[in-house]
């Protein structure tokens, strides 16, 4: 049984007799973790920089959002160009850009404006590695294994974000600049790994860009919208989780610097747990169906978002287990949605479809943390977190009704 679109199939290297696709995936995932080591440094040091630079919560959230905005602007171009140039050269150049830009941040960032500009530049480097790497995974694995493979790849986004947060938090007592300098070497190590594994399929035909045709694919666009809602919730949580946990320990009488380090440490555990649920979610969607899995998880995470922010007065005994469960839920549908977008796409314009997915999916992550901060300044943690849950609910509603067979060309159920 094969995924298809108008008589065309996604070209998979696994189906051409590759003997060790899982070993190849392990190396690509290691490279992804390396590129992600720069991702969470700012989130770990946010409470310290907010005080040092006199930023409001809205400004602090906007600096986090700048990385997402830079990612969005770049991914629309870079992921689309994989249809024309292939993945390899884009991945390698972007990993170098990512490392060098993040090494520059601690030397050049001095205030809100400079930090915003530099994080914008950092986000552009990440854009040329994550989604192009996902394209390599999608093209290499057949539909019966694609959900699990994409699940492992996407899980390493969370692993990288967790390791990044833990490393930045551990380095924070030495001074916040170290939280950027050492992790900045990660993308340079990823370059060396990617040199071996980021190979385009042989004799791959290059297709002209057809954005209009991609937008007309209603089945794919429904999953793109759900992915955007998922990212709104996920990145709003990621941007502010460490600060929320720091506020928890400050309320217990812990000094701010120590509370921030604790928040980063426990936040990294939450993100790491989310990596496991992401991999599991992709595996489940291979068996239960993409749409059913995504709707169930979006609904559950919406409930968690609407609950967690009100629990701060209840203390660590209540907050920490709830936050851990929240982290498991908020990441679990990412790989499912990404696999569904790829399977709904016309293979000729897979890169363009994934560019739209990632572009819309990450433009909202430039809004979500800043809006969260704005709400936090005015209404507190409960309302700020609940705003994430409302958007997740909208994502579930986008997929609630099954697509009619006549309106789609492929059923992205993982059981085709």
Protein backbone atom coordinates (compact mmCIF):
# COMPACT_ATOMS: atom_id res chain seq x y z
CA UNK A 1 0.00 0.00 0.00
CA UNK A 2 1.39 3.40 -0.97
CA UNK A 3 0.77 7.07 -0.41
CA UNK A 4 -0.16 8.65 -3.74
CA UNK A 5 -1.25 11.88 -5.32
CA UNK A 6 -2.66 12.01 -8.87
CA UNK A 7 -0.81 8.83 -9.82
CA UNK A 8 2.52 10.00 -8.34
CA UNK A 9 4.18 8.49 -5.28
CA UNK A 10 6.54 10.07 -2.77
CA UNK A 11 9.96 8.81 -3.78
CA UNK A 12 11.44 6.94 -0.81
CA UNK A 13 15.01 5.80 -0.57
CA UNK A 14 13.88 3.02 1.76
CA UNK A 15 11.76 1.55 -1.05
CA UNK A 16 14.87 1.52 -3.30
CA UNK A 17 16.54 -1.03 -1.05
CA UNK A 18 18.45 1.09 1.44
CA UNK A 19 19.78 -1.38 4.02
CA UNK A 20 20.00 0.89 7.06
CA UNK A 21 17.49 3.77 6.94
CA UNK A 22 17.22 3.81 10.74
CA UNK A 23 21.00 4.25 11.14
CA UNK A 24 20.84 7.09 8.64
CA UNK A 25 17.95 8.61 10.61
CA UNK A 26 19.93 8.37 13.86
CA UNK A 27 22.77 10.39 12.32
CA UNK A 28 20.39 13.00 10.91
CA UNK A 29 18.68 13.26 14.30
CA UNK A 30 22.06 13.78 15.97
CA UNK A 31 22.73 16.63 13.55
CA UNK A 32 19.33 18.09 14.36
CA UNK A 33 20.08 18.03 18.10
CA UNK A 34 23.31 19.88 17.35
CA UNK A 35 21.51 22.64 15.44
CA UNK A 36 18.96 22.90 18.26
CA UNK A 37 21.52 23.49 21.03
CA UNK A 38 21.15 27.23 20.40
CA UNK A 39 17.36 27.20 20.53
CA UNK A 40 16.48 27.67 24.21
CA UNK A 41 19.38 29.76 25.50
CA UNK A 42 17.35 32.94 25.60
CA UNK A 43 14.41 31.27 27.36
CA UNK A 44 16.78 30.10 30.12
CA UNK A 45 18.26 33.56 30.75
CA UNK A 46 15.04 35.53 30.13
CA UNK A 47 14.37 36.40 33.81
CA UNK A 48 17.95 37.66 34.23
CA UNK A 49 18.04 39.71 31.01
CA UNK A 50 14.57 41.11 31.66
CA UNK A 51 15.83 42.58 34.93
CA UNK A 52 19.29 43.56 33.63
CA UNK A 53 17.95 45.37 30.56
CA UNK A 54 14.77 46.71 32.18
CA UNK A 55 12.43 44.98 29.71
CA UNK A 56 8.71 44.57 30.21
CA UNK A 57 7.23 41.07 29.91
CA UNK A 58 5.92 42.05 26.48
CA UNK A 59 9.40 43.10 25.32
CA UNK A 60 10.97 39.96 26.77
CA UNK A 61 8.44 37.82 24.90
CA UNK A 62 9.07 39.80 21.71
CA UNK A 63 12.79 38.95 21.82
CA UNK A 64 11.90 35.26 21.98
CA UNK A 65 9.44 35.81 19.15
CA UNK A 66 12.15 37.45 17.03
CA UNK A 67 13.86 34.09 16.57
CA UNK A 68 10.57 32.65 15.33
CA UNK A 69 10.02 35.60 13.01
CA UNK A 70 13.49 35.18 11.51
CA UNK A 71 12.76 31.49 11.05
CA UNK A 72 9.47 32.24 9.31
CA UNK A 73 10.89 34.77 6.87
CA UNK A 74 13.74 32.46 5.91
CA UNK A 75 11.87 29.15 5.76
CA UNK A 76 9.41 30.40 3.15
CA UNK A 77 12.36 30.87 0.82
CA UNK A 78 14.70 28.06 1.88
CA UNK A 79 12.18 25.22 2.11
CA UNK A 80 10.64 26.20 -1.23
CA UNK A 81 14.11 26.22 -2.81
CA UNK A 82 14.53 22.55 -1.90
CA UNK A 83 12.16 21.87 -4.83
CA UNK A 84 14.70 23.59 -7.09
CA UNK A 85 18.17 23.16 -5.52
CA UNK A 86 17.71 20.14 -3.28
CA UNK A 87 18.34 19.98 0.46
CA UNK A 88 22.08 19.42 0.89
CA UNK A 89 23.55 22.85 0.14
CA UNK A 90 20.76 24.67 2.00
CA UNK A 91 21.21 22.49 5.10
CA UNK A 92 25.00 22.88 5.23
CA UNK A 93 25.06 26.65 4.75
CA UNK A 94 22.27 27.16 7.25
CA UNK A 95 23.97 25.13 9.99
CA UNK A 96 27.06 27.35 9.65
CA UNK A 97 24.90 30.49 9.74
CA UNK A 98 23.08 29.24 12.84
CA UNK A 99 26.28 28.60 14.79
CA UNK A 100 28.03 31.85 13.90
CA UNK A 101 24.96 34.00 14.55
CA UNK A 102 24.46 32.50 18.01
CA UNK A 103 28.13 32.93 18.90
CA UNK A 104 27.74 36.63 18.03
CA UNK A 105 24.73 37.19 20.32
CA UNK A 106 26.50 37.40 23.73
CA UNK A 107 29.05 39.91 22.37
CA UNK A 108 26.66 42.23 20.53
CA UNK A 109 23.33 42.08 22.45
CA UNK A 110 23.05 45.01 24.86
CA UNK A 111 19.35 45.87 25.15
CA UNK A 112 15.91 45.05 23.78
CA UNK A 113 16.54 46.43 20.28
CA UNK A 114 19.90 44.75 19.71
CA UNK A 115 18.70 41.45 21.18
CA UNK A 116 15.62 41.50 18.95
CA UNK A 117 17.71 42.07 15.81
CA UNK A 118 20.24 39.38 16.68
CA UNK A 119 17.63 36.75 17.53
CA UNK A 120 15.96 37.52 14.20
CA UNK A 121 19.22 36.62 12.46
CA UNK A 122 19.63 33.46 14.59
CA UNK A 123 16.19 32.20 13.57
CA UNK A 124 17.10 32.36 9.88
CA UNK A 125 19.86 29.78 10.42
CA UNK A 126 17.50 27.26 11.99
CA UNK A 127 15.09 27.62 9.07
CA UNK A 128 17.44 25.95 6.63
CA UNK A 129 17.95 22.80 8.69
CA UNK A 130 14.76 21.67 10.43
CA UNK A 131 12.17 21.50 7.64
CA UNK A 132 14.63 20.55 4.87
CA UNK A 133 15.82 17.73 7.13
CA UNK A 134 12.23 16.63 7.61
CA UNK A 135 11.84 16.49 3.85
CA UNK A 136 14.74 14.03 3.68
CA UNK A 137 12.97 11.82 6.24
CA UNK A 138 9.62 11.97 4.41
CA UNK A 139 11.24 11.01 1.11
CA UNK A 140 13.25 8.16 2.60
CA UNK A 141 10.53 6.18 4.45
CA UNK A 142 7.44 4.44 3.12
CA UNK A 143 3.98 5.34 4.53
CA UNK A 144 3.81 2.39 6.93
CA UNK A 145 6.96 3.63 8.73
CA UNK A 146 6.77 7.33 7.94
CA UNK A 147 4.82 8.38 11.04
CA UNK A 148 7.29 6.65 13.35
CA UNK A 149 10.30 8.02 11.44
CA UNK A 150 8.97 11.59 11.37
CA UNK A 151 8.03 11.14 15.04
CA UNK A 152 11.63 10.34 15.94
CA UNK A 153 12.94 13.25 13.88
CA UNK A 154 10.47 15.75 15.35
CA UNK A 155 11.10 14.34 18.84
CA UNK A 156 14.74 15.36 18.44
CA UNK A 157 13.55 18.96 18.08
CA UNK A 158 12.27 18.62 21.63
CA UNK A 159 15.41 16.76 22.72
CA UNK A 160 17.57 19.53 21.31
CA UNK A 161 15.40 22.22 22.90
CA UNK A 162 15.57 20.37 26.25
CA UNK A 163 19.35 19.91 26.14
CA UNK A 164 19.71 23.54 25.08
CA UNK A 165 17.61 24.71 28.02
CA UNK A 166 19.45 22.46 30.49
CA UNK A 167 22.87 23.53 29.23
CA UNK A 168 22.00 27.23 29.24
CA UNK A 169 20.59 26.95 32.76
CA UNK A 170 23.66 25.05 34.01
CA UNK A 171 25.98 27.69 32.52
CA UNK A 172 23.96 30.61 33.88
CA UNK A 173 25.84 30.83 37.24
CA UNK A 174 29.01 31.57 35.24
CA UNK A 175 27.29 34.54 33.58
CA UNK A 176 24.53 34.64 30.98
CA UNK A 177 26.94 34.98 28.05
CA UNK A 178 28.24 31.45 28.60
CA UNK A 179 24.68 30.21 28.06
CA UNK A 180 25.11 31.20 24.42
CA UNK A 181 28.82 30.67 23.75
CA UNK A 182 29.23 26.93 24.38
CA UNK A 183 25.86 25.85 22.86
CA UNK A 184 26.78 27.93 19.80
CA UNK A 185 29.29 25.22 18.86
CA UNK A 186 26.44 22.72 18.36
CA UNK A 187 25.44 23.78 14.83
CA UNK A 188 29.10 23.65 13.77
CA UNK A 189 29.27 20.02 14.91
CA UNK A 190 25.98 19.42 13.07
CA UNK A 191 27.63 20.69 9.88
CA UNK A 192 30.19 17.88 10.06
CA UNK A 193 27.48 15.25 10.54
CA UNK A 194 25.25 16.70 7.84
CA UNK A 195 28.12 16.62 5.35
CA UNK A 196 27.73 12.85 5.39
CA UNK A 197 23.99 12.29 5.74
CA UNK A 198 22.26 15.28 4.09
CA UNK A 199 22.21 13.79 0.61
CA UNK A 200 19.50 14.43 -1.96
CA UNK A 201 17.86 11.46 -3.71
CA UNK A 202 19.71 10.68 -6.97
CA UNK A 203 18.28 11.95 -10.24
CA UNK A 204 15.68 14.00 -8.42
CA UNK A 205 13.63 16.08 -10.89
CA UNK A 206 13.41 19.79 -10.12
CA UNK A 207 9.93 21.28 -10.19
CA UNK A 208 8.99 24.94 -10.73
CA UNK A 209 7.30 26.56 -7.76
CA UNK A 210 3.48 26.42 -7.90
CA UNK A 211 2.17 28.14 -4.76
CA UNK A 212 -1.35 28.44 -6.16
CA UNK A 213 -1.58 24.70 -6.71
CA UNK A 214 -0.44 24.07 -3.15
CA UNK A 215 -3.05 26.48 -1.73
CA UNK A 216 -5.78 24.69 -3.67
CA UNK A 217 -4.98 21.42 -1.88
CA UNK A 218 -7.63 21.71 0.82
CA UNK A 219 -6.69 18.45 2.52
CA UNK A 220 -3.12 19.64 3.07
CA UNK A 221 -4.22 23.15 4.09
CA UNK A 222 -6.45 21.80 6.88
CA UNK A 223 -3.42 20.09 8.41
CA UNK A 224 -1.31 23.21 7.88
CA UNK A 225 -3.85 25.25 9.88
CA UNK A 226 -3.91 22.64 12.65
CA UNK A 227 -0.10 22.65 12.70
CA UNK A 228 -0.13 26.44 13.10
CA UNK A 229 -2.52 26.16 16.06
CA UNK A 230 -0.30 23.46 17.59
CA UNK A 231 2.78 25.67 17.22
CA UNK A 232 1.00 28.67 18.74
CA UNK A 233 0.36 26.66 21.88
CA UNK A 234 3.71 24.86 21.94
CA UNK A 235 5.98 27.87 21.47
CA UNK A 236 4.00 30.09 23.79
CA UNK A 237 4.52 27.41 26.43
CA UNK A 238 8.21 26.95 25.58
CA UNK A 239 8.95 30.66 25.73
CA UNK A 240 7.43 31.18 29.18
CA UNK A 241 7.60 27.82 30.95
CA UNK A 242 10.98 28.48 32.60
CA UNK A 243 9.83 31.91 33.78
CA UNK A 244 6.60 30.41 35.12
CA UNK A 245 8.62 27.85 37.07
CA UNK A 246 11.02 30.56 38.25
CA UNK A 247 8.01 32.50 39.56
CA UNK A 248 6.91 29.34 41.36
CA UNK A 249 10.22 29.10 43.25
CA UNK A 250 10.49 32.85 43.85
CA UNK A 251 7.12 32.55 45.60
CA UNK A 252 8.76 29.92 47.83
CA UNK A 253 11.49 32.41 48.82
CA UNK A 254 14.24 31.29 46.42
CA UNK A 255 16.46 34.13 45.02
CA UNK A 256 15.75 35.05 41.38
CA UNK A 257 19.00 33.75 39.86
CA UNK A 258 18.66 30.39 41.61
CA UNK A 259 14.95 30.24 40.78
CA UNK A 260 15.72 30.89 37.09
CA UNK A 261 18.32 28.08 37.08
CA UNK A 262 15.81 25.70 38.69
CA UNK A 263 13.15 26.74 36.19
CA UNK A 264 15.50 26.03 33.28
CA UNK A 265 16.49 22.64 34.74
CA UNK A 266 12.93 21.42 35.30
CA UNK A 267 11.80 22.99 32.03
CA UNK A 268 14.41 20.91 30.20
CA UNK A 269 12.96 17.77 31.81
CA UNK A 270 9.50 18.78 30.56
CA UNK A 271 10.79 19.30 27.04
CA UNK A 272 12.63 15.99 27.11
CA UNK A 273 9.46 14.21 28.19
CA UNK A 274 7.70 15.91 25.29
CA UNK A 275 10.21 14.35 22.90
CA UNK A 276 9.11 10.88 24.02
CA UNK A 277 5.43 11.73 23.55
CA UNK A 278 6.17 13.13 20.09
CA UNK A 279 7.80 9.89 18.96
CA UNK A 280 4.95 7.89 20.51
CA UNK A 281 2.35 10.12 18.83
CA UNK A 282 3.83 9.44 15.39
CA UNK A 283 3.83 5.69 16.05
CA UNK A 284 0.22 5.77 17.25
CA UNK A 285 -0.86 7.75 14.18
CA UNK A 286 0.55 5.01 11.91
CA UNK A 287 -2.04 2.72 13.50
CA UNK A 288 -4.95 4.90 14.65
CA UNK A 289 -4.89 7.45 11.83
CA UNK A 290 -3.38 10.90 11.51
CA UNK A 291 -6.57 12.97 11.90
CA UNK A 292 -7.96 11.03 14.86
CA UNK A 293 -4.65 11.19 16.74
CA UNK A 294 -4.17 14.91 16.10
CA UNK A 295 -7.70 15.88 17.18
CA UNK A 296 -7.52 13.88 20.42
CA UNK A 297 -4.17 15.35 21.45
CA UNK A 298 -5.10 18.94 20.54
CA UNK A 299 -8.22 18.72 22.70
CA UNK A 300 -6.31 17.28 25.66
CA UNK A 301 -3.53 19.88 25.46
CA UNK A 302 -6.11 22.68 25.20
CA UNK A 303 -7.58 21.57 28.54
CA UNK A 304 -4.09 21.51 30.09
CA UNK A 305 -3.27 25.02 28.82
CA UNK A 306 -6.50 26.38 30.24
CA UNK A 307 -5.68 24.86 33.65
CA UNK A 308 -1.97 25.15 34.39
CA UNK A 309 -1.64 28.92 34.78
CA UNK A 310 -4.13 29.09 37.66
CA UNK A 311 -2.25 26.58 39.82
CA UNK A 312 0.76 28.72 40.83
CA UNK A 313 -0.59 29.42 44.38
CA UNK A 314 -0.92 25.65 44.99
CA UNK A 315 2.85 25.18 45.22
CA UNK A 316 5.40 22.79 43.66
CA UNK A 317 3.60 19.63 44.76
CA UNK A 318 0.72 20.41 42.41
CA UNK A 319 2.39 22.55 39.75
CA UNK A 320 5.36 20.34 38.84
CA UNK A 321 3.43 17.11 38.07
CA UNK A 322 0.83 19.10 36.13
CA UNK A 323 3.52 20.89 34.11
CA UNK A 324 5.14 17.54 33.29
CA UNK A 325 1.83 16.15 32.01
CA UNK A 326 1.29 19.38 30.09
CA UNK A 327 4.66 18.96 28.38
CA UNK A 328 3.73 15.44 27.29
CA UNK A 329 0.46 16.59 25.74
CA UNK A 330 1.50 19.82 24.05
CA UNK A 331 4.14 18.15 21.83
CA UNK A 332 2.51 14.80 21.05
CA UNK A 333 0.75 15.73 17.78
CA UNK A 334 3.60 17.56 16.03
CA UNK A 335 4.97 14.57 14.11
CA UNK A 336 1.45 13.39 13.27
CA UNK A 337 0.55 16.73 11.70
CA UNK A 338 3.84 16.97 9.79
CA UNK A 339 3.42 13.48 8.35
CA UNK A 340 -0.17 14.28 7.38
CA UNK A 341 0.87 17.47 5.57
CA UNK A 342 3.53 15.58 3.60
CA UNK A 343 1.15 12.76 2.69
CA UNK A 344 -1.53 15.21 1.55
CA UNK A 345 0.91 17.13 -0.65
CA UNK A 346 1.57 16.70 -4.35
CA UNK A 347 5.11 15.21 -4.32
CA UNK A 348 6.19 17.59 -7.10
CA UNK A 349 5.68 20.52 -4.73
CA UNK A 350 6.46 18.87 -1.43
CA UNK A 351 9.06 21.50 -0.54
CA UNK A 352 6.63 24.34 -1.28
CA UNK A 353 3.89 22.67 0.78
CA UNK A 354 6.28 22.20 3.68
CA UNK A 355 7.42 25.82 3.29
CA UNK A 356 3.81 26.98 3.73
CA UNK A 357 3.37 24.62 6.67
CA UNK A 358 6.48 25.88 8.39
CA UNK A 359 5.98 29.50 7.35
CA UNK A 360 2.47 29.75 8.77
CA UNK A 361 3.36 27.42 11.62
CA UNK A 362 6.22 29.63 12.72
CA UNK A 363 4.82 33.07 11.95
CA UNK A 364 2.31 32.41 14.72
CA UNK A 365 5.19 31.57 17.05
CA UNK A 366 6.43 35.11 16.53
CA UNK A 367 3.06 36.34 17.83
CA UNK A 368 2.24 33.84 20.56
CA UNK A 369 5.08 34.58 23.04
CA UNK A 370 4.65 38.34 22.67
CA UNK A 371 0.87 38.14 23.17
CA UNK A 372 1.44 35.84 26.14
CA UNK A 373 3.73 38.45 27.69
CA UNK A 374 1.21 41.23 27.00
CA UNK A 375 -1.54 39.22 28.70
CA UNK A 376 0.78 38.31 31.56
CA UNK A 377 1.47 42.00 32.26
CA UNK A 378 -2.27 42.72 32.40
CA UNK A 379 -4.08 39.59 33.58
CA UNK A 380 -1.59 37.11 35.06
CA UNK A 381 -0.46 33.57 34.34
CA UNK A 382 -3.92 31.99 34.22
CA UNK A 383 -5.25 34.11 31.35
CA UNK A 384 -1.92 34.02 29.49
CA UNK A 385 -1.79 30.21 29.44
CA UNK A 386 -5.51 29.93 28.69
CA UNK A 387 -4.97 31.97 25.51
CA UNK A 388 -2.79 29.11 24.24
CA UNK A 389 -5.52 26.58 24.94
CA UNK A 390 -8.13 28.54 22.97
CA UNK A 391 -5.95 28.41 19.86
CA UNK A 392 -5.26 24.68 20.30
CA UNK A 393 -9.02 24.14 20.42
CA UNK A 394 -9.33 25.99 17.10
CA UNK A 395 -6.78 23.58 15.63
CA UNK A 396 -8.85 20.60 16.72
CA UNK A 397 -11.95 22.17 15.17
CA UNK A 398 -10.11 22.59 11.85
CA UNK A 399 -9.78 18.79 11.69
CA UNK A 400 -12.98 17.78 13.48
CA UNK A 401 -14.94 16.95 10.35
CA UNK A 402 -13.37 14.31 8.09
CA UNK A 403 -12.53 15.56 4.61
CA UNK A 404 -14.96 14.25 2.00
CA UNK A 405 -13.30 11.78 -0.40
CA UNK A 406 -14.05 13.96 -3.40
CA UNK A 407 -12.19 16.92 -1.92
CA UNK A 408 -8.83 15.22 -1.44
CA UNK A 409 -6.48 13.09 -3.41
CA UNK A 410 -4.86 11.18 -0.58
CA UNK A 411 -6.04 10.11 2.84
CA UNK A 412 -3.28 10.92 5.35
CA UNK A 413 -4.23 8.26 7.84
CA UNK A 414 -1.02 6.29 8.02
CA UNK A 415 -3.13 3.27 6.96
CA UNK A 416 -3.33 3.92 3.20
